[in-house]
Protein backbone atom coordinates (compact mmCIF):
# COMPACT_ATOMS: atom_id res chain seq x y z
CA MET A 1 14.88 22.82 -4.17
CA SER A 2 17.30 22.21 -1.38
CA ARG A 3 16.95 19.39 1.09
CA ARG A 4 16.40 21.87 3.92
CA THR A 5 13.64 23.67 2.00
CA LEU A 6 11.87 20.39 1.38
CA HIS A 7 12.03 19.48 5.07
CA ARG A 8 10.80 22.94 6.03
CA LEU A 9 7.78 22.55 3.73
CA PHE A 10 6.90 19.26 5.38
CA GLU A 11 7.24 20.66 8.91
CA GLY A 12 3.89 22.40 8.45
CA THR A 13 2.13 19.14 7.59
CA GLY A 14 3.15 17.34 10.75
CA GLN A 15 4.63 14.54 8.66
CA THR A 16 8.25 13.94 7.74
CA VAL A 17 9.39 13.46 4.16
CA THR A 18 10.26 9.85 4.98
CA ALA A 19 6.83 9.18 6.51
CA HIS A 20 5.11 10.73 3.49
CA LEU A 21 7.12 8.57 1.09
CA ARG A 22 6.32 5.46 3.13
CA THR A 23 2.60 6.32 3.07
CA MET A 24 2.67 6.85 -0.70
CA ARG A 25 4.51 3.56 -1.22
CA VAL A 26 1.98 1.66 0.86
CA ALA A 27 -0.91 3.31 -1.03
CA THR A 28 0.65 2.18 -4.32
CA ALA A 29 1.14 -1.31 -2.87
CA GLN A 30 -2.55 -1.40 -1.92
CA ARG A 31 -3.52 -0.74 -5.54
CA LEU A 32 -1.12 -3.40 -6.80
CA LEU A 33 -2.31 -5.97 -4.26
CA THR A 34 -5.85 -5.40 -5.51
CA ASN A 35 -5.18 -5.18 -9.25
CA ARG A 36 -2.11 -7.37 -9.80
CA THR A 37 -2.94 -10.59 -8.03
CA ASP A 38 -0.41 -12.41 -10.22
CA LEU A 39 2.50 -10.60 -8.52
CA PRO A 40 3.95 -12.06 -5.32
CA ILE A 41 3.78 -9.72 -2.34
CA GLU A 42 7.58 -9.55 -2.19
CA ALA A 43 7.70 -8.36 -5.83
CA ILE A 44 5.18 -5.65 -5.03
CA ALA A 45 7.31 -4.57 -2.07
CA ARG A 46 10.29 -4.07 -4.35
CA GLU A 47 8.24 -2.42 -7.09
CA VAL A 48 7.03 0.28 -4.71
CA GLY A 49 10.50 0.96 -3.35
CA PHE A 50 11.04 -1.26 -0.31
CA SER A 51 14.35 -3.10 -0.48
CA ASN A 52 13.57 -5.18 2.61
CA ASP A 53 10.48 -7.39 2.96
CA THR A 54 10.40 -6.99 6.74
CA ASN A 55 10.27 -3.20 6.47
CA PHE A 56 7.50 -3.47 3.88
CA TYR A 57 5.37 -5.77 6.04
CA ARG A 58 5.98 -3.63 9.13
CA SER A 59 5.18 -0.36 7.33
CA PHE A 60 2.11 -1.80 5.60
CA ARG A 61 0.68 -3.09 8.86
CA ALA A 62 1.47 0.14 10.73
CA ILE A 63 -0.39 2.21 8.12
CA THR A 64 -3.31 -0.09 7.26
CA GLY A 65 -3.68 -2.17 10.42
CA ILE A 66 -3.45 -5.47 8.51
CA THR A 67 -0.80 -7.47 6.67
CA PRO A 68 -0.39 -7.26 2.89
CA GLY A 69 -1.66 -10.84 2.56
CA ASP A 70 -4.78 -10.09 4.58
CA TYR A 71 -5.34 -6.93 2.53
CA ARG A 72 -5.14 -8.91 -0.73
CA HIS A 73 -7.53 -11.52 0.65
CA LEU A 74 -10.07 -8.86 1.68
CA ALA A 75 -9.73 -7.12 -1.69
CA ARG A 76 -10.50 -10.41 -3.47
CA GLN A 77 -13.57 -10.93 -1.28
CA ASP A 78 -14.78 -7.38 -1.98
CA THR A 79 -14.32 -7.91 -5.73
CA ALA A 80 -16.25 -11.20 -5.59
CA ASN A 81 -19.04 -9.59 -3.56
CA LEU A 82 -19.26 -6.70 -6.01
CA GLN A 83 -19.42 -9.09 -8.96
CA ASP A 84 -22.20 -11.06 -7.23
CA ARG A 85 -24.20 -7.86 -6.71
CA LEU A 86 -23.74 -6.75 -10.33
CA ASP A 87 -24.54 -10.13 -11.88
CA PRO A 88 -26.67 -12.21 -9.53
CA SER A 89 -27.06 -15.71 -10.93
CA PRO A 90 -30.17 -17.69 -9.97
């Protein structure tokens, strides 16, 4: 598929190829921030394809409305709350 054909396909979605890739990278980062708490945020940024930490933080916040660190913190709280609901200890 040519580059022009790819861009033409995306024209109908209202999203550019670059914006779609950025959205997919941030979605993958969200999963990693939740499931791989041992990885530093900067390592996750590189793993999902961002070569620059600033661009990762900026893109993540633009898409989710919060920073990657805040997202990880909220994910940990949600996991703890879920565990409390599943196994309430007296």
